C-alpha atoms as a PDB file:
ATOM      1  CA  MET A   1      11.672   1.224 -34.638  1.00  0.00           C
ATOM      2  CA  ARG A   2      11.078  -2.508 -34.374  1.00  0.00           C
ATOM      3  CA  PHE A   3      10.800  -4.247 -31.020  1.00  0.00           C
ATOM      4  CA  LEU A   4      10.545  -7.832 -29.816  1.00  0.00           C
ATOM      5  CA  VAL A   5       8.018  -8.368 -26.998  1.00  0.00           C
ATOM      6  CA  THR A   6       8.779 -11.586 -25.137  1.00  0.00           C
ATOM      7  CA  ARG A   7       6.204 -11.797 -22.332  1.00  0.00           C
ATOM      8  CA  PRO A   8       3.453 -14.448 -22.263  1.00  0.00           C
ATOM      9  CA  GLN A   9       0.035 -13.924 -23.814  1.00  0.00           C
ATOM     10  CA  PRO A  10      -2.297 -12.102 -23.456  1.00  0.00           C
ATOM     11  CA  GLU A  11       0.026  -9.475 -21.951  1.00  0.00           C
ATOM     12  CA  CYS A  12       2.395  -9.854 -24.914  1.00  0.00           C
ATOM     13  CA  ARG A  13      -0.235  -8.566 -27.341  1.00  0.00           C
ATOM     14  CA  GLN A  14      -1.260  -5.749 -25.011  1.00  0.00           C
ATOM     15  CA  THR A  15       2.313  -4.477 -24.763  1.00  0.00           C
ATOM     16  CA  ALA A  16       2.861  -4.913 -28.506  1.00  0.00           C
ATOM     17  CA  ASP A  17      -0.325  -2.963 -29.261  1.00  0.00           C
ATOM     18  CA  PHE A  18       0.893  -0.112 -27.050  1.00  0.00           C
ATOM     19  CA  LEU A  19       4.133   0.095 -29.046  1.00  0.00           C
ATOM     20  CA  ARG A  20       2.207  -0.063 -32.329  1.00  0.00           C
ATOM     21  CA  ALA A  21      -0.045   2.774 -31.206  1.00  0.00           C
ATOM     22  CA  ALA A  22       3.117   4.802 -30.571  1.00  0.00           C
ATOM     23  CA  GLY A  23       4.125   4.275 -34.213  1.00  0.00           C
ATOM     24  CA  HIS A  24       6.523   1.338 -33.877  1.00  0.00           C
ATOM     25  CA  VAL A  25       6.646  -2.221 -35.194  1.00  0.00           C
ATOM     26  CA  ALA A  26       6.258  -4.890 -32.514  1.00  0.00           C
ATOM     27  CA  ASP A  27       6.834  -8.627 -32.966  1.00  0.00           C
ATOM     28  CA  GLU A  28       5.048 -10.871 -30.466  1.00  0.00           C
ATOM     29  CA  LEU A  29       7.319 -13.641 -29.202  1.00  0.00           C
ATOM     30  CA  PRO A  30       5.841 -15.129 -26.002  1.00  0.00           C
ATOM     31  CA  LEU A  31       8.763 -17.180 -24.725  1.00  0.00           C
ATOM     32  CA  LEU A  32       6.699 -18.811 -21.975  1.00  0.00           C
ATOM     33  CA  VAL A  33       3.377 -20.569 -22.610  1.00  0.00           C
ATOM     34  CA  MET A  34       0.848 -21.114 -19.821  1.00  0.00           C
ATOM     35  CA  HIS A  35      -0.759 -24.462 -18.973  1.00  0.00           C
ATOM     36  CA  ALA A  36      -3.401 -24.450 -16.228  1.00  0.00           C
ATOM     37  CA  GLN A  37      -3.011 -26.973 -13.388  1.00  0.00           C
ATOM     38  CA  MET A  38      -5.873 -25.982 -11.105  1.00  0.00           C
ATOM     39  CA  PRO A  39      -6.669 -28.396  -8.269  1.00  0.00           C
ATOM     40  CA  GLU A  40     -10.175 -29.784  -8.132  1.00  0.00           C
ATOM     41  CA  ARG A  41     -10.547 -28.289  -4.659  1.00  0.00           C
ATOM     42  CA  PHE A  42      -8.575 -25.902  -2.470  1.00  0.00           C
ATOM     43  CA  ASP A  43      -8.002 -26.855   1.152  1.00  0.00           C
ATOM     44  CA  LEU A  44      -9.568 -23.823   2.831  1.00  0.00           C
ATOM     45  CA  SER A  45      -9.386 -25.137   6.384  1.00  0.00           C
ATOM     46  CA  ASP A  46      -7.846 -22.473   8.635  1.00  0.00           C
ATOM     47  CA  VAL A  47      -7.248 -20.115   5.674  1.00  0.00           C
ATOM     48  CA  SER A  48      -7.407 -16.472   6.778  1.00  0.00           C
ATOM     49  CA  ALA A  49      -6.178 -14.694   3.620  1.00  0.00           C
ATOM     50  CA  VAL A  50      -5.140 -15.194   0.004  1.00  0.00           C
ATOM     51  CA  ALA A  51      -1.891 -14.044  -1.645  1.00  0.00           C
ATOM     52  CA  PHE A  52      -1.374 -13.454  -5.360  1.00  0.00           C
ATOM     53  CA  THR A  53       1.870 -12.652  -7.132  1.00  0.00           C
ATOM     54  CA  SER A  54       0.435 -12.663 -10.667  1.00  0.00           C
ATOM     55  CA  ARG A  55      -2.684 -11.604 -12.526  1.00  0.00           C
ATOM     56  CA  ARG A  56      -2.700 -15.005 -14.214  1.00  0.00           C
ATOM     57  CA  ALA A  57      -3.225 -16.781 -10.899  1.00  0.00           C
ATOM     58  CA  VAL A  58      -6.087 -14.412 -10.096  1.00  0.00           C
ATOM     59  CA  ALA A  59      -7.790 -15.073 -13.436  1.00  0.00           C
ATOM     60  CA  LEU A  60      -7.570 -18.837 -13.010  1.00  0.00           C
ATOM     61  CA  THR A  61      -8.823 -18.684  -9.441  1.00  0.00           C
ATOM     62  CA  THR A  62     -11.916 -16.690 -10.418  1.00  0.00           C
ATOM     63  CA  GLU A  63     -12.992 -19.633 -12.594  1.00  0.00           C
ATOM     64  CA  HIS A  64     -12.693 -22.143  -9.753  1.00  0.00           C
ATOM     65  CA  GLN A  65     -15.761 -23.730  -8.161  1.00  0.00           C
ATOM     66  CA  GLN A  66     -14.748 -22.392  -4.734  1.00  0.00           C
ATOM     67  CA  PHE A  67     -14.309 -18.800  -5.845  1.00  0.00           C
ATOM     68  CA  SER A  68     -17.439 -17.640  -4.006  1.00  0.00           C
ATOM     69  CA  ASP A  69     -15.711 -18.703  -0.763  1.00  0.00           C
ATOM     70  CA  LEU A  70     -12.318 -17.320  -1.720  1.00  0.00           C
ATOM     71  CA  LYS A  71     -13.550 -13.840  -2.607  1.00  0.00           C
ATOM     72  CA  GLN A  72     -14.806 -13.354   0.959  1.00  0.00           C
ATOM     73  CA  LEU A  73     -11.202 -13.504   2.219  1.00  0.00           C
ATOM     74  CA  PRO A  74      -8.729 -10.611   2.510  1.00  0.00           C
ATOM     75  CA  VAL A  75      -6.286 -10.511  -0.411  1.00  0.00           C
ATOM     76  CA  PHE A  76      -2.623  -9.487  -0.570  1.00  0.00           C
ATOM     77  CA  ALA A  77      -1.126  -8.908  -4.021  1.00  0.00           C
ATOM     78  CA  VAL A  78       2.112  -7.896  -5.727  1.00  0.00           C
ATOM     79  CA  GLY A  79       1.623  -4.748  -7.778  1.00  0.00           C
ATOM     80  CA  SER A  80      -1.247  -2.368  -8.422  1.00  0.00           C
ATOM     81  CA  ALA A  81      -2.124  -4.183 -11.670  1.00  0.00           C
ATOM     82  CA  THR A  82      -2.677  -7.479  -9.858  1.00  0.00           C
ATOM     83  CA  ALA A  83      -4.631  -5.654  -7.150  1.00  0.00           C
ATOM     84  CA  LYS A  84      -6.857  -4.092  -9.800  1.00  0.00           C
ATOM     85  CA  VAL A  85      -7.617  -7.518 -11.303  1.00  0.00           C
ATOM     86  CA  CYS A  86      -8.511  -8.746  -7.809  1.00  0.00           C
ATOM     87  CA  GLU A  87     -10.897  -5.833  -7.372  1.00  0.00           C
ATOM     88  CA  GLU A  88     -12.510  -6.446 -10.769  1.00  0.00           C
ATOM     89  CA  ALA A  89     -12.934 -10.131  -9.854  1.00  0.00           C
ATOM     90  CA  GLY A  90     -14.967  -9.254  -6.787  1.00  0.00           C
ATOM     91  CA  PHE A  91     -12.511  -9.377  -3.878  1.00  0.00           C
ATOM     92  CA  GLN A  92     -13.481  -6.784  -1.268  1.00  0.00           C
ATOM     93  CA  SER A  93     -10.476  -6.387   1.022  1.00  0.00           C
ATOM     94  CA  ILE A  94      -7.270  -5.875  -0.979  1.00  0.00           C
ATOM     95  CA  LYS A  95      -3.809  -4.688  -0.015  1.00  0.00           C
ATOM     96  CA  PHE A  96      -0.832  -4.642  -2.363  1.00  0.00           C
ATOM     97  CA  ALA A  97       2.932  -4.206  -2.307  1.00  0.00           C
ATOM     98  CA  GLU A  98       4.821  -2.742  -5.258  1.00  0.00           C
ATOM     99  CA  ASP A  99       8.322  -4.121  -4.786  1.00  0.00           C
ATOM    100  CA  GLY A 100       8.006  -7.867  -5.277  1.00  0.00           C
ATOM    101  CA  VAL A 101       7.578 -10.944  -3.132  1.00  0.00           C
ATOM    102  CA  ALA A 102       9.758  -9.731  -0.255  1.00  0.00           C
ATOM    103  CA  SER A 103       7.652  -6.604   0.220  1.00  0.00           C
ATOM    104  CA  LEU A 104       4.464  -8.677  -0.125  1.00  0.00           C
ATOM    105  CA  GLY A 105       5.621 -10.977   2.646  1.00  0.00           C
ATOM    106  CA  GLN A 106       6.398  -8.042   4.907  1.00  0.00           C
ATOM    107  CA  LEU A 107       3.003  -6.490   4.152  1.00  0.00           C
ATOM    108  CA  ILE A 108       1.267  -9.702   5.225  1.00  0.00           C
ATOM    109  CA  LEU A 109       3.331  -9.905   8.416  1.00  0.00           C
ATOM    110  CA  ASP A 110       2.581  -6.273   9.235  1.00  0.00           C
ATOM    111  CA  SER A 111      -1.145  -6.917   8.724  1.00  0.00           C
ATOM    112  CA  GLN A 112      -1.505  -9.936  11.005  1.00  0.00           C
ATOM    113  CA  GLU A 113      -3.267  -8.070  13.795  1.00  0.00           C
ATOM    114  CA  GLY A 114      -6.179  -7.341  11.462  1.00  0.00           C
ATOM    115  CA  LEU A 115      -6.539 -10.943  10.264  1.00  0.00           C
ATOM    116  CA  ALA A 116      -8.214 -13.972  11.779  1.00  0.00           C
ATOM    117  CA  PRO A 117      -5.834 -16.725  12.957  1.00  0.00           C
ATOM    118  CA  GLY A 118      -4.883 -19.109  10.185  1.00  0.00           C
ATOM    119  CA  CYS A 119      -2.712 -19.611   7.151  1.00  0.00           C
ATOM    120  CA  VAL A 120      -2.304 -17.752   3.862  1.00  0.00           C
ATOM    121  CA  LEU A 121      -3.464 -19.560   0.725  1.00  0.00           C
ATOM    122  CA  TYR A 122      -1.042 -18.887  -2.142  1.00  0.00           C
ATOM    123  CA  PRO A 123      -2.311 -19.865  -5.637  1.00  0.00           C
ATOM    124  CA  ALA A 124       0.853 -19.673  -7.726  1.00  0.00           C
ATOM    125  CA  ALA A 125       2.906 -20.906 -10.645  1.00  0.00           C
ATOM    126  CA  GLN A 126       4.910 -24.120 -10.527  1.00  0.00           C
ATOM    127  CA  GLU A 127       8.094 -22.076 -10.952  1.00  0.00           C
ATOM    128  CA  ARG A 128       8.038 -18.712  -9.251  1.00  0.00           C
ATOM    129  CA  ALA A 129      10.360 -15.951  -8.177  1.00  0.00           C
ATOM    130  CA  GLY A 130      10.874 -15.236  -4.496  1.00  0.00           C
ATOM    131  CA  ASP A 131      10.146 -17.296  -1.419  1.00  0.00           C
ATOM    132  CA  LEU A 132       6.888 -16.110   0.112  1.00  0.00           C
ATOM    133  CA  GLU A 133       6.593 -19.289   2.189  1.00  0.00           C
ATOM    134  CA  GLY A 134      10.024 -18.752   3.731  1.00  0.00           C
ATOM    135  CA  ILE A 135       9.413 -15.073   4.475  1.00  0.00           C
ATOM    136  CA  LEU A 136       6.127 -15.799   6.225  1.00  0.00           C
ATOM    137  CA  GLU A 137       7.574 -18.760   8.118  1.00  0.00           C
ATOM    138  CA  VAL A 138      10.188 -16.482   9.703  1.00  0.00           C
ATOM    139  CA  GLY A 139       7.289 -14.381  10.981  1.00  0.00           C
ATOM    140  CA  ASN A 140       5.465 -17.480  12.292  1.00  0.00           C
ATOM    141  CA  VAL A 141       2.773 -17.301   9.629  1.00  0.00           C
ATOM    142  CA  GLN A 142       1.879 -20.478   7.756  1.00  0.00           C
ATOM    143  CA  CYS A 143       1.698 -20.264   3.962  1.00  0.00           C
ATOM    144  CA  ARG A 144      -0.182 -22.841   1.875  1.00  0.00           C
ATOM    145  CA  PRO A 145       1.116 -22.670  -1.728  1.00  0.00           C
ATOM    146  CA  VAL A 146      -1.041 -24.322  -4.377  1.00  0.00           C
ATOM    147  CA  ILE A 147       0.192 -24.802  -7.943  1.00  0.00           C
ATOM    148  CA  THR A 148      -2.420 -23.403 -10.317  1.00  0.00           C
ATOM    149  CA  TYR A 149      -0.432 -23.241 -13.554  1.00  0.00           C
ATOM    150  CA  ARG A 150       2.949 -23.784 -15.127  1.00  0.00           C
ATOM    151  CA  MET A 151       4.815 -21.772 -17.743  1.00  0.00           C
ATOM    152  CA  ASP A 152       6.602 -23.904 -20.373  1.00  0.00           C
ATOM    153  CA  ARG A 153       9.508 -22.491 -22.334  1.00  0.00           C
ATOM    154  CA  LEU A 154       9.290 -22.014 -26.071  1.00  0.00           C
ATOM    155  CA  GLY A 155      11.432 -24.689 -27.700  1.00  0.00           C
ATOM    156  CA  VAL A 156      12.398 -23.078 -31.033  1.00  0.00           C
ATOM    157  CA  LEU A 157      12.659 -19.546 -32.379  1.00  0.00           C
ATOM    158  CA  PRO A 158      10.149 -18.994 -35.208  1.00  0.00           C
ATOM    159  CA  ASP A 159      11.926 -18.719 -38.569  1.00  0.00           C
ATOM    160  CA  GLU A 160      10.666 -15.184 -39.198  1.00  0.00           C
ATOM    161  CA  ILE A 161      12.040 -13.939 -35.874  1.00  0.00           C
ATOM    162  CA  ALA A 162      15.346 -15.764 -36.378  1.00  0.00           C
ATOM    163  CA  ARG A 163      15.771 -14.173 -39.813  1.00  0.00           C
ATOM    164  CA  ALA A 164      14.971 -10.714 -38.450  1.00  0.00           C
ATOM    165  CA  LEU A 165      17.472 -11.105 -35.620  1.00  0.00           C
ATOM    166  CA  ASP A 166      20.124 -12.411 -38.003  1.00  0.00           C
ATOM    167  CA  ALA A 167      19.577  -9.421 -40.296  1.00  0.00           C
ATOM    168  CA  LYS A 168      19.754  -7.054 -37.296  1.00  0.00           C
ATOM    169  CA  ALA A 169      16.306  -5.803 -38.241  1.00  0.00           C
ATOM    170  CA  ILE A 170      15.093  -5.745 -34.622  1.00  0.00           C
ATOM    171  CA  ASP A 171      16.116  -2.670 -32.643  1.00  0.00           C
ATOM    172  CA  GLY A 172      15.360  -3.921 -29.176  1.00  0.00           C
ATOM    173  CA  ALA A 173      13.867  -6.684 -27.019  1.00  0.00           C
ATOM    174  CA  LEU A 174      11.646  -6.179 -23.982  1.00  0.00           C
ATOM    175  CA  ILE A 175      12.304  -8.586 -21.090  1.00  0.00           C
ATOM    176  CA  PHE A 176       9.859  -9.040 -18.221  1.00  0.00           C
ATOM    177  CA  SER A 177      11.361 -11.877 -16.140  1.00  0.00           C
ATOM    178  CA  LYS A 178      14.594 -13.743 -15.403  1.00  0.00           C
ATOM    179  CA  ARG A 179      13.144 -16.963 -16.803  1.00  0.00           C
ATOM    180  CA  THR A 180      12.206 -15.209 -20.036  1.00  0.00           C
ATOM    181  CA  ALA A 181      15.734 -13.833 -20.311  1.00  0.00           C
ATOM    182  CA  ASP A 182      17.190 -17.318 -19.737  1.00  0.00           C
ATOM    183  CA  THR A 183      14.927 -18.674 -22.470  1.00  0.00           C
ATOM    184  CA  LEU A 184      15.943 -15.973 -24.952  1.00  0.00           C
ATOM    185  CA  VAL A 185      19.644 -16.633 -24.364  1.00  0.00           C
ATOM    186  CA  SER A 186      19.104 -20.380 -24.814  1.00  0.00           C
ATOM    187  CA  LEU A 187      17.133 -19.969 -28.062  1.00  0.00           C
ATOM    188  CA  ILE A 188      19.628 -17.526 -29.552  1.00  0.00           C
ATOM    189  CA  LYS A 189      22.479 -19.957 -28.852  1.00  0.00           C
ATOM    190  CA  LYS A 190      20.452 -22.922 -30.101  1.00  0.00           C
ATOM    191  CA  THR A 191      19.791 -21.093 -33.380  1.00  0.00           C
ATOM    192  CA  GLY A 192      23.454 -20.126 -33.807  1.00  0.00           C
ATOM    193  CA  LEU A 193      22.814 -16.397 -33.547  1.00  0.00           C
ATOM    194  CA  GLU A 194      25.360 -15.532 -30.879  1.00  0.00           C
ATOM    195  CA  HIS A 195      26.770 -12.842 -33.179  1.00  0.00           C
ATOM    196  CA  ILE A 196      23.715 -10.641 -32.522  1.00  0.00           C
ATOM    197  CA  PHE A 197      24.465 -10.298 -28.814  1.00  0.00           C
ATOM    198  CA  SER A 198      26.631  -7.212 -29.222  1.00  0.00           C
ATOM    199  CA  ASP A 199      24.096  -5.366 -31.374  1.00  0.00           C
ATOM    200  CA  LEU A 200      20.690  -6.128 -29.866  1.00  0.00           C
ATOM    201  CA  SER A 201      19.421  -3.562 -27.361  1.00  0.00           C
ATOM    202  CA  VAL A 202      17.658  -5.077 -24.377  1.00  0.00           C
ATOM    203  CA  TYR A 203      15.237  -3.387 -21.992  1.00  0.00           C
ATOM    204  CA  ALA A 204      14.550  -5.258 -18.734  1.00  0.00           C
ATOM    205  CA  ILE A 205      11.853  -4.665 -16.158  1.00  0.00           C
ATOM    206  CA  SER A 206      14.230  -5.349 -13.240  1.00  0.00           C
ATOM    207  CA  ARG A 207      17.854  -6.140 -12.433  1.00  0.00           C
ATOM    208  CA  GLN A 208      16.867  -9.724 -11.698  1.00  0.00           C
ATOM    209  CA  ALA A 209      15.277 -10.030 -15.149  1.00  0.00           C
ATOM    210  CA  ALA A 210      18.378  -8.480 -16.740  1.00  0.00           C
ATOM    211  CA  GLU A 211      20.862 -10.804 -15.065  1.00  0.00           C
ATOM    212  CA  PRO A 212      20.989 -13.690 -17.602  1.00  0.00           C
ATOM    213  CA  LEU A 213      21.544 -11.271 -20.485  1.00  0.00           C
ATOM    214  CA  SER A 214      23.984  -8.886 -18.803  1.00  0.00           C
ATOM    215  CA  MET A 215      27.000 -11.082 -19.482  1.00  0.00           C
ATOM    216  CA  TYR A 216      26.317 -11.009 -23.225  1.00  0.00           C
ATOM    217  CA  MET A 217      25.115  -7.496 -23.989  1.00  0.00           C
ATOM    218  CA  LYS A 218      24.295  -4.101 -22.580  1.00  0.00           C
ATOM    219  CA  VAL A 219      20.942  -4.189 -20.815  1.00  0.00           C
ATOM    220  CA  ARG A 220      18.994  -1.128 -19.716  1.00  0.00           C
ATOM    221  CA  VAL A 221      16.845  -1.564 -16.614  1.00  0.00           C
ATOM    222  CA  ALA A 222      13.612   0.258 -15.812  1.00  0.00           C
ATOM    223  CA  ASP A 223      13.593   2.613 -12.828  1.00  0.00           C
ATOM    224  CA  MET A 224      10.690   0.659 -11.290  1.00  0.00           C
ATOM    225  CA  PRO A 225       9.762  -3.021 -11.770  1.00  0.00           C
ATOM    226  CA  CYS A 226       6.560  -2.270 -13.701  1.00  0.00           C
ATOM    227  CA  GLN A 227       5.494  -2.136 -17.340  1.00  0.00           C
ATOM    228  CA  SER A 228       4.897   1.619 -17.414  1.00  0.00           C
ATOM    229  CA  ALA A 229       8.475   2.317 -16.285  1.00  0.00           C
ATOM    230  CA  LEU A 230       9.830  -0.179 -18.830  1.00  0.00           C
ATOM    231  CA  LEU A 231       7.844   1.395 -21.672  1.00  0.00           C
ATOM    232  CA  ASP A 232       9.014   4.860 -20.611  1.00  0.00           C
ATOM    233  CA  LEU A 233      12.590   3.579 -20.869  1.00  0.00           C
ATOM    234  CA  VAL A 234      11.982   2.093 -24.325  1.00  0.00           C
ATOM    235  CA  LEU A 235      10.229   5.134 -25.744  1.00  0.00           C
ATOM    236  CA  ALA A 236      12.884   7.504 -24.360  1.00  0.00           C
ATOM    237  CA  ASP A 237      15.327   5.874 -26.791  1.00  0.00           C
ATOM    238  CA  CYS A 238      13.090   6.428 -29.826  1.00  0.00           C
END
């Protein structure tokens, strides 16, 4: 079978390679492209912990001149994969929540007794899902978000992908975020390929990610919001 993988690089290639190793054809179509926007310095005054909601933010932070100071702080992360990247980077005290930003916020609030007084530094994307700042504010914990990168939308579908979609040569598309789904819908309409909506199978990592596509086609949602559950869903159809 032939699948369209729409997540950003380098994760796009990693997922595509997994599908190829399973005997399928995988087209890499990263619909969001990263541009780093790291500050020259982080304000670490009164910072008692660091929060990460993406592996990309962790990777960028490890290259920062203040990383030696940051890695001494306790870390809270979304997902075991992000937590693993934190561990590999050299962070010593790591806790993670599996079910998104809301569960991360609750984890931080539940852990306050074990932390020094202060705020939570939050290196993050310019556009992000969830409201960690708001969740922590309700619990009287200050959050200091810092934009470290932005994800720009792809402007045009590559001709090869457009032709494959038009010919109904692609069996399914893997969707990893709501913004990616929005971008795919926009590009399909922009290219005049609305007629493929009823035939293209879509596999989404979460209900939130599926939402923009659900009004146009049938979308199957993974049991858990993680790549392994999404790939299990995809391969079960093969």
